[in-house]
Amino acid sequence: RKLLSESQSKIEQFEKEKVVLKEKIEILSTLGQKVLDGADLSLLAVPSNNPLIWSFLQLNSIARDNGLILREPSFSYKNSPDDPFREIEFKVDYEGDILSVFKFSQTIEKSLPLFKIKLLKVEELGVGSNSNMTISVYYADLPKKIPAITEPIKRLSDEQVNTLLDLSEYAKPEFTTLEPNFNDNVKVDPFN
């Protein structure tokens, strides 16, 4: 009898896990590419690796597109590398007309990774303007632990879905990694 009740208990547990796994399969099969796009967006918004180079290039590219000239860029890390959520602060001077500075600041606020303009000072010159900006970008580690396969998937709330939809409209960086440029047709003898 005891063996029979233990077996029935295990069968019931397996049945529960089977139902949870079927639900996961259904959810994952219906979400498909949407989940991957959302994951990509969240990693672009708050990257898991230090985005110093590509976020600086993003700032420079947006400035160039708005007709601004970059002067004296610098950066600093605002917290320890052990912090789970880290900040890089850029201090930059731009030269150009006031309208370009305004367009630049609007574009930055709708670009990935998420930038925050902390300080914007504009000084009018005879022909154009000089602007001093302090802009922060953030990055954080990915979660160290993922839920067990038998744990039910938590559906995104309406607010989370709306956040992903908002992020999808942000300007994405030109690139996020520097890939080596290997050429299969490399000549062994450069003089031939």
N, C-alpha and C. Protein backbone atom coordinates (compact mmCIF):
# COMPACT_ATOMS: atom_id res chain seq x y z
N ARG A 1 0.80 -1.19 0.00
CA ARG A 1 0.00 0.00 0.00
C ARG A 1 0.85 1.26 0.00
N LYS A 2 1.85 1.29 0.84
CA LYS A 2 2.72 2.45 0.94
C LYS A 2 3.42 2.71 -0.39
N LEU A 3 3.89 1.67 -1.02
CA LEU A 3 4.55 1.78 -2.30
C LEU A 3 3.60 2.31 -3.37
N LEU A 4 2.37 1.87 -3.32
CA LEU A 4 1.34 2.31 -4.27
C LEU A 4 1.04 3.79 -4.08
N SER A 5 0.92 4.24 -2.84
CA SER A 5 0.61 5.66 -2.60
C SER A 5 1.80 6.55 -3.00
N GLU A 6 3.04 6.09 -2.75
CA GLU A 6 4.21 6.84 -3.17
C GLU A 6 4.27 6.94 -4.69
N SER A 7 3.97 5.86 -5.36
CA SER A 7 3.96 5.86 -6.83
C SER A 7 2.90 6.80 -7.37
N GLN A 8 1.71 6.77 -6.75
CA GLN A 8 0.65 7.69 -7.19
C GLN A 8 1.06 9.15 -6.96
N SER A 9 1.73 9.41 -5.87
CA SER A 9 2.20 10.76 -5.56
C SER A 9 3.21 11.22 -6.61
N LYS A 10 4.13 10.35 -6.97
CA LYS A 10 5.13 10.69 -7.99
C LYS A 10 4.46 10.91 -9.35
N ILE A 11 3.50 10.08 -9.67
CA ILE A 11 2.78 10.23 -10.94
C ILE A 11 2.06 11.57 -10.98
N GLU A 12 1.42 11.95 -9.88
CA GLU A 12 0.73 13.24 -9.82
C GLU A 12 1.72 14.39 -10.00
N GLN A 13 2.90 14.28 -9.37
CA GLN A 13 3.93 15.32 -9.50
C GLN A 13 4.40 15.42 -10.94
N PHE A 14 4.65 14.29 -11.59
CA PHE A 14 5.07 14.27 -12.99
C PHE A 14 3.99 14.87 -13.89
N GLU A 15 2.74 14.59 -13.59
CA GLU A 15 1.64 15.15 -14.38
C GLU A 15 1.60 16.68 -14.26
N LYS A 16 1.83 17.19 -13.03
CA LYS A 16 1.86 18.63 -12.83
C LYS A 16 2.99 19.26 -13.63
N GLU A 17 4.19 18.64 -13.56
CA GLU A 17 5.34 19.14 -14.31
C GLU A 17 5.09 19.06 -15.81
N LYS A 18 4.42 18.02 -16.24
CA LYS A 18 4.08 17.86 -17.66
C LYS A 18 3.19 19.00 -18.13
N VAL A 19 2.21 19.38 -17.31
CA VAL A 19 1.31 20.49 -17.65
C VAL A 19 2.10 21.80 -17.75
N VAL A 20 2.98 22.04 -16.79
CA VAL A 20 3.80 23.27 -16.79
C VAL A 20 4.68 23.31 -18.04
N LEU A 21 5.31 22.19 -18.37
CA LEU A 21 6.17 22.14 -19.56
C LEU A 21 5.36 22.36 -20.84
N LYS A 22 4.17 21.80 -20.92
CA LYS A 22 3.32 22.02 -22.10
C LYS A 22 2.96 23.50 -22.24
N GLU A 23 2.66 24.14 -21.10
CA GLU A 23 2.34 25.58 -21.13
C GLU A 23 3.53 26.38 -21.64
N LYS A 24 4.72 26.03 -21.15
CA LYS A 24 5.92 26.73 -21.60
C LYS A 24 6.13 26.56 -23.10
N ILE A 25 5.98 25.35 -23.58
CA ILE A 25 6.15 25.10 -25.02
C ILE A 25 5.15 25.91 -25.82
N GLU A 26 3.89 25.97 -25.37
CA GLU A 26 2.87 26.76 -26.07
C GLU A 26 3.23 28.24 -26.09
N ILE A 27 3.64 28.76 -24.93
CA ILE A 27 3.99 30.18 -24.85
C ILE A 27 5.18 30.48 -25.74
N LEU A 28 6.22 29.66 -25.65
CA LEU A 28 7.42 29.91 -26.45
C LEU A 28 7.14 29.79 -27.94
N SER A 29 6.30 28.86 -28.32
CA SER A 29 6.01 28.71 -29.76
C SER A 29 5.17 29.86 -30.29
N THR A 30 4.33 30.47 -29.46
CA THR A 30 3.52 31.60 -29.94
C THR A 30 4.30 32.91 -29.92
N LEU A 31 5.24 33.03 -28.98
CA LEU A 31 5.99 34.29 -28.90
C LEU A 31 7.06 34.39 -29.98
N GLY A 32 7.77 33.30 -30.21
CA GLY A 32 8.76 33.24 -31.27
C GLY A 32 9.70 34.41 -31.31
N GLN A 33 9.72 35.11 -32.45
CA GLN A 33 10.66 36.19 -32.70
C GLN A 33 10.44 37.38 -31.78
N LYS A 34 9.22 37.57 -31.29
CA LYS A 34 8.95 38.71 -30.41
C LYS A 34 9.81 38.66 -29.16
N VAL A 35 10.00 37.47 -28.61
CA VAL A 35 10.82 37.33 -27.41
C VAL A 35 12.26 37.70 -27.71
N LEU A 36 12.77 37.20 -28.84
CA LEU A 36 14.15 37.51 -29.20
C LEU A 36 14.34 38.99 -29.45
N ASP A 37 13.39 39.63 -30.14
CA ASP A 37 13.49 41.06 -30.37
C ASP A 37 13.48 41.83 -29.05
N GLY A 38 12.62 41.43 -28.12
CA GLY A 38 12.57 42.08 -26.82
C GLY A 38 13.85 41.90 -26.04
N ALA A 39 14.43 40.71 -26.13
CA ALA A 39 15.70 40.46 -25.44
C ALA A 39 16.80 41.31 -26.05
N ASP A 40 16.83 41.39 -27.38
CA ASP A 40 17.83 42.23 -28.04
C ASP A 40 17.67 43.69 -27.62
N LEU A 41 16.44 44.16 -27.58
CA LEU A 41 16.19 45.55 -27.19
C LEU A 41 16.64 45.82 -25.77
N SER A 42 16.33 44.91 -24.86
CA SER A 42 16.70 45.15 -23.48
C SER A 42 18.22 45.12 -23.31
N LEU A 43 18.91 44.28 -24.09
CA LEU A 43 20.37 44.25 -24.02
C LEU A 43 21.00 45.48 -24.67
N LEU A 44 20.32 46.06 -25.64
CA LEU A 44 20.82 47.31 -26.22
C LEU A 44 20.54 48.48 -25.29
N ALA A 45 19.39 48.46 -24.62
CA ALA A 45 19.02 49.56 -23.73
C ALA A 45 19.96 49.63 -22.53
N VAL A 46 20.17 48.51 -21.87
CA VAL A 46 21.09 48.42 -20.74
C VAL A 46 21.98 47.21 -21.00
N PRO A 47 23.11 47.44 -21.67
CA PRO A 47 23.98 46.31 -22.06
C PRO A 47 24.56 45.58 -20.86
N SER A 48 24.97 44.34 -21.11
CA SER A 48 25.58 43.56 -20.04
C SER A 48 27.10 43.76 -20.01
N ASN A 49 27.67 44.17 -21.13
CA ASN A 49 29.11 44.45 -21.19
C ASN A 49 29.34 45.95 -21.26
N ASN A 50 30.53 46.36 -20.89
CA ASN A 50 30.88 47.78 -20.90
C ASN A 50 30.67 48.38 -22.31
N PRO A 51 29.76 49.35 -22.44
CA PRO A 51 29.45 49.93 -23.74
C PRO A 51 30.24 51.19 -24.06
N LEU A 52 31.38 51.40 -23.40
CA LEU A 52 32.13 52.65 -23.54
C LEU A 52 32.38 53.01 -25.00
N ILE A 53 32.99 52.11 -25.75
CA ILE A 53 33.39 52.44 -27.12
C ILE A 53 32.18 52.68 -28.01
N TRP A 54 31.25 51.73 -28.03
CA TRP A 54 30.14 51.91 -28.97
C TRP A 54 29.16 52.98 -28.54
N SER A 55 29.04 53.27 -27.25
CA SER A 55 28.16 54.38 -26.86
C SER A 55 28.81 55.72 -27.20
N PHE A 56 30.15 55.80 -27.07
CA PHE A 56 30.83 57.03 -27.47
C PHE A 56 30.70 57.24 -28.99
N LEU A 57 30.88 56.17 -29.75
CA LEU A 57 30.71 56.27 -31.21
C LEU A 57 29.27 56.64 -31.57
N GLN A 58 28.31 56.16 -30.80
CA GLN A 58 26.91 56.53 -31.02
C GLN A 58 26.72 58.04 -30.77
N LEU A 59 27.29 58.54 -29.68
CA LEU A 59 27.21 59.98 -29.39
C LEU A 59 27.85 60.79 -30.52
N ASN A 60 29.02 60.37 -30.95
CA ASN A 60 29.75 61.07 -32.01
C ASN A 60 28.98 61.04 -33.33
N SER A 61 28.40 59.90 -33.66
CA SER A 61 27.63 59.75 -34.89
C SER A 61 26.40 60.67 -34.89
N ILE A 62 25.70 60.71 -33.78
CA ILE A 62 24.51 61.57 -33.68
C ILE A 62 24.91 63.03 -33.75
N ALA A 63 26.03 63.39 -33.12
CA ALA A 63 26.52 64.77 -33.19
C ALA A 63 26.84 65.14 -34.63
N ARG A 64 27.56 64.26 -35.31
CA ARG A 64 27.93 64.51 -36.71
C ARG A 64 26.67 64.65 -37.59
N ASP A 65 25.68 63.77 -37.38
CA ASP A 65 24.43 63.85 -38.15
C ASP A 65 23.69 65.16 -37.91
N ASN A 66 23.92 65.79 -36.76
CA ASN A 66 23.25 67.05 -36.44
C ASN A 66 24.15 68.26 -36.68
N GLY A 67 25.29 68.05 -37.34
CA GLY A 67 26.16 69.16 -37.70
C GLY A 67 26.96 69.73 -36.55
N LEU A 68 27.19 68.96 -35.51
CA LEU A 68 27.97 69.44 -34.38
C LEU A 68 29.41 68.92 -34.47
N ILE A 69 30.33 69.71 -33.96
CA ILE A 69 31.74 69.34 -33.95
C ILE A 69 32.12 69.02 -32.51
N LEU A 70 32.69 67.84 -32.32
CA LEU A 70 33.09 67.36 -31.00
C LEU A 70 34.41 67.99 -30.57
N ARG A 71 34.47 68.47 -29.35
CA ARG A 71 35.69 69.04 -28.78
C ARG A 71 35.91 68.45 -27.38
N GLU A 72 37.13 68.06 -27.09
CA GLU A 72 37.57 67.64 -25.75
C GLU A 72 36.67 66.63 -25.05
N PRO A 73 36.52 65.43 -25.62
CA PRO A 73 35.71 64.42 -24.91
C PRO A 73 36.49 63.79 -23.76
N SER A 74 35.79 63.42 -22.71
CA SER A 74 36.40 62.66 -21.62
C SER A 74 35.31 61.78 -21.01
N PHE A 75 35.73 60.80 -20.25
CA PHE A 75 34.76 59.93 -19.59
C PHE A 75 35.30 59.51 -18.24
N SER A 76 34.39 59.05 -17.39
CA SER A 76 34.79 58.51 -16.09
C SER A 76 33.75 57.48 -15.65
N TYR A 77 34.23 56.52 -14.87
CA TYR A 77 33.33 55.52 -14.30
C TYR A 77 32.85 56.05 -12.96
N LYS A 78 31.55 56.01 -12.73
CA LYS A 78 30.99 56.64 -11.55
C LYS A 78 30.81 55.70 -10.36
N ASN A 79 31.02 54.40 -10.53
CA ASN A 79 30.92 53.48 -9.41
C ASN A 79 31.90 52.33 -9.61
N SER A 80 31.95 51.46 -8.64
CA SER A 80 32.95 50.39 -8.67
C SER A 80 32.55 49.30 -9.67
N PRO A 81 33.54 48.60 -10.24
CA PRO A 81 33.24 47.51 -11.18
C PRO A 81 32.45 46.37 -10.54
N ASP A 82 32.43 46.32 -9.21
CA ASP A 82 31.69 45.26 -8.51
C ASP A 82 30.21 45.58 -8.38
N ASP A 83 29.82 46.82 -8.59
CA ASP A 83 28.40 47.18 -8.51
C ASP A 83 27.63 46.48 -9.61
N PRO A 84 26.43 46.01 -9.31
CA PRO A 84 25.66 45.32 -10.35
C PRO A 84 25.16 46.26 -11.44
N PHE A 85 24.93 47.51 -11.12
CA PHE A 85 24.45 48.50 -12.08
C PHE A 85 25.49 49.61 -12.15
N ARG A 86 26.12 49.79 -13.32
CA ARG A 86 27.25 50.71 -13.44
C ARG A 86 26.94 51.87 -14.39
N GLU A 87 27.65 52.96 -14.17
CA GLU A 87 27.42 54.19 -14.94
C GLU A 87 28.75 54.69 -15.50
N ILE A 88 28.70 55.11 -16.78
CA ILE A 88 29.83 55.80 -17.41
C ILE A 88 29.34 57.21 -17.70
N GLU A 89 30.14 58.18 -17.30
CA GLU A 89 29.77 59.58 -17.52
C GLU A 89 30.70 60.20 -18.57
N PHE A 90 30.10 60.73 -19.63
CA PHE A 90 30.85 61.42 -20.68
C PHE A 90 30.72 62.91 -20.46
N LYS A 91 31.84 63.60 -20.59
CA LYS A 91 31.83 65.07 -20.59
C LYS A 91 32.33 65.48 -21.96
N VAL A 92 31.51 66.21 -22.68
CA VAL A 92 31.86 66.58 -24.04
C VAL A 92 31.48 68.03 -24.31
N ASP A 93 32.25 68.65 -25.18
CA ASP A 93 31.95 69.99 -25.68
C ASP A 93 31.63 69.85 -27.16
N TYR A 94 30.59 70.51 -27.59
CA TYR A 94 30.20 70.51 -29.00
C TYR A 94 30.11 71.95 -29.49
N GLU A 95 30.51 72.14 -30.75
CA GLU A 95 30.34 73.44 -31.41
C GLU A 95 29.33 73.28 -32.53
N GLY A 96 28.44 74.24 -32.65
CA GLY A 96 27.43 74.23 -33.70
C GLY A 96 26.31 75.19 -33.33
N ASP A 97 25.32 75.28 -34.18
CA ASP A 97 24.24 76.22 -33.86
C ASP A 97 23.31 75.64 -32.79
N ILE A 98 22.55 76.52 -32.16
CA ILE A 98 21.70 76.14 -31.03
C ILE A 98 20.65 75.11 -31.45
N LEU A 99 20.07 75.25 -32.62
CA LEU A 99 19.07 74.30 -33.09
C LEU A 99 19.67 72.90 -33.21
N SER A 100 20.91 72.80 -33.68
CA SER A 100 21.59 71.50 -33.78
C SER A 100 21.80 70.88 -32.41
N VAL A 101 22.14 71.69 -31.43
CA VAL A 101 22.32 71.20 -30.06
C VAL A 101 20.99 70.67 -29.52
N PHE A 102 19.91 71.40 -29.80
CA PHE A 102 18.58 70.98 -29.36
C PHE A 102 18.19 69.65 -30.03
N LYS A 103 18.40 69.53 -31.34
CA LYS A 103 18.09 68.29 -32.06
C LYS A 103 18.94 67.14 -31.54
N PHE A 104 20.22 67.41 -31.27
CA PHE A 104 21.13 66.40 -30.73
C PHE A 104 20.59 65.88 -29.40
N SER A 105 20.22 66.78 -28.51
CA SER A 105 19.74 66.35 -27.19
C SER A 105 18.45 65.55 -27.29
N GLN A 106 17.56 65.90 -28.23
CA GLN A 106 16.34 65.12 -28.43
C GLN A 106 16.65 63.73 -28.97
N THR A 107 17.59 63.65 -29.91
CA THR A 107 17.95 62.37 -30.51
C THR A 107 18.61 61.46 -29.49
N ILE A 108 19.49 62.02 -28.67
CA ILE A 108 20.19 61.23 -27.64
C ILE A 108 19.19 60.60 -26.69
N GLU A 109 18.17 61.33 -26.33
CA GLU A 109 17.19 60.81 -25.38
C GLU A 109 16.31 59.72 -25.97
N LYS A 110 16.38 59.51 -27.29
CA LYS A 110 15.62 58.44 -27.95
C LYS A 110 16.57 57.47 -28.64
N SER A 111 17.75 57.26 -28.04
CA SER A 111 18.76 56.36 -28.62
C SER A 111 19.14 55.28 -27.63
N LEU A 112 19.61 54.17 -28.19
CA LEU A 112 20.11 53.07 -27.38
C LEU A 112 21.62 53.00 -27.52
N PRO A 113 22.34 52.72 -26.46
CA PRO A 113 21.87 52.42 -25.12
C PRO A 113 21.20 53.65 -24.51
N LEU A 114 20.51 53.46 -23.41
CA LEU A 114 19.80 54.57 -22.78
C LEU A 114 20.81 55.60 -22.28
N PHE A 115 20.67 56.81 -22.78
CA PHE A 115 21.53 57.92 -22.37
C PHE A 115 20.71 58.85 -21.47
N LYS A 116 21.39 59.48 -20.55
CA LYS A 116 20.74 60.48 -19.71
C LYS A 116 21.59 61.74 -19.76
N ILE A 117 21.00 62.82 -20.21
CA ILE A 117 21.71 64.10 -20.22
C ILE A 117 21.58 64.70 -18.82
N LYS A 118 22.71 64.78 -18.12
CA LYS A 118 22.71 65.28 -16.75
C LYS A 118 22.91 66.79 -16.70
N LEU A 119 23.67 67.30 -17.68
CA LEU A 119 23.97 68.73 -17.70
C LEU A 119 24.08 69.17 -19.14
N LEU A 120 23.47 70.30 -19.44
CA LEU A 120 23.57 70.89 -20.78
C LEU A 120 23.67 72.40 -20.61
N LYS A 121 24.86 72.94 -20.94
CA LYS A 121 25.07 74.39 -20.90
C LYS A 121 25.38 74.84 -22.31
N VAL A 122 24.66 75.84 -22.79
CA VAL A 122 24.88 76.36 -24.13
C VAL A 122 25.28 77.82 -24.02
N GLU A 123 26.38 78.15 -24.70
CA GLU A 123 26.88 79.53 -24.72
C GLU A 123 26.82 80.02 -26.16
N GLU A 124 26.09 81.09 -26.38
CA GLU A 124 25.97 81.63 -27.73
C GLU A 124 27.24 82.37 -28.10
N LEU A 125 27.74 82.07 -29.29
CA LEU A 125 28.87 82.79 -29.85
C LEU A 125 28.34 83.65 -30.99
N GLY A 126 29.17 84.38 -31.66
CA GLY A 126 28.71 85.24 -32.74
C GLY A 126 27.95 84.49 -33.82
N VAL A 127 28.52 83.42 -34.34
CA VAL A 127 27.92 82.68 -35.45
C VAL A 127 27.18 81.43 -34.97
N GLY A 128 27.70 80.75 -33.99
CA GLY A 128 27.11 79.49 -33.54
C GLY A 128 27.02 79.46 -32.03
N SER A 129 27.28 78.29 -31.48
CA SER A 129 27.24 78.15 -30.03
C SER A 129 28.24 77.09 -29.59
N ASN A 130 28.56 77.13 -28.33
CA ASN A 130 29.42 76.14 -27.71
C ASN A 130 28.59 75.50 -26.60
N SER A 131 28.53 74.17 -26.57
CA SER A 131 27.74 73.51 -25.53
C SER A 131 28.61 72.54 -24.75
N ASN A 132 28.40 72.55 -23.44
CA ASN A 132 29.07 71.62 -22.54
C ASN A 132 27.99 70.64 -22.08
N MET A 133 28.28 69.34 -22.22
CA MET A 133 27.31 68.33 -21.84
C MET A 133 27.94 67.28 -20.95
N THR A 134 27.14 66.82 -20.01
CA THR A 134 27.48 65.65 -19.22
C THR A 134 26.38 64.63 -19.50
N ILE A 135 26.80 63.50 -20.07
CA ILE A 135 25.85 62.49 -20.51
C ILE A 135 26.25 61.16 -19.88
N SER A 136 25.29 60.46 -19.30
CA SER A 136 25.58 59.16 -18.68
C SER A 136 24.96 58.03 -19.50
N VAL A 137 25.65 56.89 -19.47
CA VAL A 137 25.14 55.65 -20.06
C VAL A 137 25.34 54.57 -19.00
N TYR A 138 24.46 53.58 -18.99
CA TYR A 138 24.47 52.59 -17.93
C TYR A 138 24.62 51.17 -18.50
N TYR A 139 25.15 50.29 -17.68
CA TYR A 139 25.21 48.87 -18.04
C TYR A 139 25.13 48.04 -16.76
N ALA A 140 24.67 46.79 -16.92
CA ALA A 140 24.47 45.91 -15.76
C ALA A 140 24.69 44.46 -16.17
N ASP A 141 25.04 43.65 -15.20
CA ASP A 141 25.23 42.23 -15.45
C ASP A 141 23.89 41.56 -15.74
N LEU A 142 23.94 40.50 -16.52
CA LEU A 142 22.76 39.68 -16.73
C LEU A 142 22.48 38.90 -15.45
N PRO A 143 21.25 38.44 -15.26
CA PRO A 143 20.97 37.64 -14.05
C PRO A 143 21.88 36.41 -14.00
N LYS A 144 22.33 36.08 -12.83
CA LYS A 144 23.22 34.93 -12.66
C LYS A 144 22.46 33.61 -12.65
N LYS A 145 21.17 33.68 -12.33
CA LYS A 145 20.37 32.47 -12.20
C LYS A 145 19.09 32.61 -13.01
N ILE A 146 18.74 31.59 -13.74
CA ILE A 146 17.49 31.61 -14.48
C ILE A 146 16.52 30.64 -13.80
N PRO A 147 15.22 30.84 -14.03
CA PRO A 147 14.24 29.95 -13.38
C PRO A 147 14.39 28.51 -13.85
N ALA A 148 14.00 27.59 -13.00
CA ALA A 148 14.04 26.17 -13.35
C ALA A 148 13.08 25.90 -14.51
N ILE A 149 13.36 24.89 -15.28
CA ILE A 149 12.53 24.56 -16.44
C ILE A 149 11.12 24.18 -16.04
N THR A 150 10.96 23.69 -14.83
CA THR A 150 9.62 23.29 -14.37
C THR A 150 8.82 24.45 -13.78
N GLU A 151 9.46 25.60 -13.62
CA GLU A 151 8.77 26.77 -13.07
C GLU A 151 7.95 27.44 -14.18
N PRO A 152 6.71 27.81 -13.89
CA PRO A 152 5.88 28.45 -14.94
C PRO A 152 6.48 29.77 -15.42
N ILE A 153 6.27 30.08 -16.70
CA ILE A 153 6.73 31.34 -17.27
C ILE A 153 5.80 32.45 -16.80
N LYS A 154 6.41 33.52 -16.32
CA LYS A 154 5.60 34.68 -15.93
C LYS A 154 5.40 35.53 -17.16
N ARG A 155 4.18 35.81 -17.46
CA ARG A 155 3.87 36.63 -18.63
C ARG A 155 4.25 38.08 -18.34
N LEU A 156 4.62 38.81 -19.41
CA LEU A 156 4.95 40.21 -19.25
C LEU A 156 3.70 41.00 -18.92
N SER A 157 3.85 41.97 -18.04
CA SER A 157 2.72 42.84 -17.71
C SER A 157 2.51 43.81 -18.88
N ASP A 158 1.38 44.47 -18.90
CA ASP A 158 1.11 45.46 -19.95
C ASP A 158 2.15 46.57 -19.93
N GLU A 159 2.57 46.96 -18.74
CA GLU A 159 3.58 48.01 -18.61
C GLU A 159 4.91 47.56 -19.22
N GLN A 160 5.31 46.30 -18.98
CA GLN A 160 6.56 45.79 -19.53
C GLN A 160 6.48 45.70 -21.06
N VAL A 161 5.34 45.27 -21.57
CA VAL A 161 5.15 45.20 -23.03
C VAL A 161 5.22 46.60 -23.62
N ASN A 162 4.59 47.57 -22.98
CA ASN A 162 4.63 48.96 -23.47
C ASN A 162 6.04 49.52 -23.43
N THR A 163 6.82 49.17 -22.41
CA THR A 163 8.21 49.61 -22.33
C THR A 163 9.00 49.05 -23.50
N LEU A 164 8.82 47.76 -23.81
CA LEU A 164 9.51 47.16 -24.95
C LEU A 164 9.08 47.82 -26.27
N LEU A 165 7.80 48.13 -26.37
CA LEU A 165 7.32 48.80 -27.59
C LEU A 165 7.94 50.19 -27.72
N ASP A 166 8.04 50.91 -26.60
CA ASP A 166 8.70 52.23 -26.62
C ASP A 166 10.16 52.10 -27.03
N LEU A 167 10.86 51.13 -26.45
CA LEU A 167 12.28 50.93 -26.77
C LEU A 167 12.47 50.57 -28.24
N SER A 168 11.51 49.88 -28.83
CA SER A 168 11.65 49.47 -30.23
C SER A 168 11.68 50.68 -31.17
N GLU A 169 11.19 51.81 -30.72
CA GLU A 169 11.20 53.03 -31.53
C GLU A 169 12.48 53.84 -31.35
N TYR A 170 13.32 53.49 -30.41
CA TYR A 170 14.57 54.21 -30.18
C TYR A 170 15.56 53.90 -31.29
N ALA A 171 16.47 54.84 -31.54
CA ALA A 171 17.52 54.65 -32.55
C ALA A 171 18.55 53.67 -32.01
N LYS A 172 18.84 52.66 -32.80
CA LYS A 172 19.80 51.64 -32.40
C LYS A 172 21.20 52.04 -32.86
N PRO A 173 22.22 51.59 -32.13
CA PRO A 173 23.59 51.93 -32.53
C PRO A 173 23.97 51.24 -33.83
N GLU A 174 24.96 51.83 -34.52
CA GLU A 174 25.43 51.25 -35.78
C GLU A 174 26.01 49.86 -35.55
N PHE A 175 26.72 49.67 -34.45
CA PHE A 175 27.27 48.37 -34.09
C PHE A 175 27.48 48.33 -32.59
N THR A 176 27.57 47.11 -32.05
CA THR A 176 27.79 46.97 -30.62
C THR A 176 29.03 46.15 -30.30
N THR A 177 29.59 45.48 -31.30
CA THR A 177 30.83 44.73 -31.10
C THR A 177 31.77 45.01 -32.26
N LEU A 178 33.04 44.93 -31.99
CA LEU A 178 34.05 45.10 -33.03
C LEU A 178 34.50 43.72 -33.47
N GLU A 179 34.07 43.33 -34.66
CA GLU A 179 34.42 42.01 -35.19
C GLU A 179 35.74 42.11 -35.94
N PRO A 180 36.59 41.08 -35.81
CA PRO A 180 37.84 41.08 -36.58
C PRO A 180 37.53 40.98 -38.07
N ASN A 181 38.35 41.62 -38.86
CA ASN A 181 38.15 41.62 -40.30
C ASN A 181 39.11 40.61 -40.93
N PHE A 182 38.67 39.36 -41.01
CA PHE A 182 39.48 38.32 -41.59
C PHE A 182 39.15 38.19 -43.07
N ASN A 183 40.20 38.06 -43.88
CA ASN A 183 40.01 37.89 -45.31
C ASN A 183 40.58 36.53 -45.69
N ASP A 184 39.73 35.70 -46.30
CA ASP A 184 40.16 34.36 -46.69
C ASP A 184 41.17 34.39 -47.84
N ASN A 185 41.21 35.48 -48.58
CA ASN A 185 42.09 35.58 -49.75
C ASN A 185 43.36 36.34 -49.43
N VAL A 186 43.92 36.12 -48.25
CA VAL A 186 45.13 36.80 -47.84
C VAL A 186 46.32 36.23 -48.63
N LYS A 187 47.11 37.11 -49.18
CA LYS A 187 48.31 36.67 -49.91
C LYS A 187 49.42 36.40 -48.90
N VAL A 188 50.08 35.28 -49.09
CA VAL A 188 51.19 34.95 -48.22
C VAL A 188 52.39 35.82 -48.54
N ASP A 189 52.64 36.03 -49.83
CA ASP A 189 53.76 36.85 -50.28
C ASP A 189 53.24 38.22 -50.72
N PRO A 190 53.48 39.27 -49.94
CA PRO A 190 52.93 40.58 -50.28
C PRO A 190 53.53 41.18 -51.55
N PHE A 191 54.66 40.66 -52.04
CA PHE A 191 55.31 41.20 -53.23
C PHE A 191 54.89 40.48 -54.51
N ASN A 192 53.99 39.54 -54.41
CA ASN A 192 53.55 38.77 -55.57
C ASN A 192 52.21 39.26 -56.06
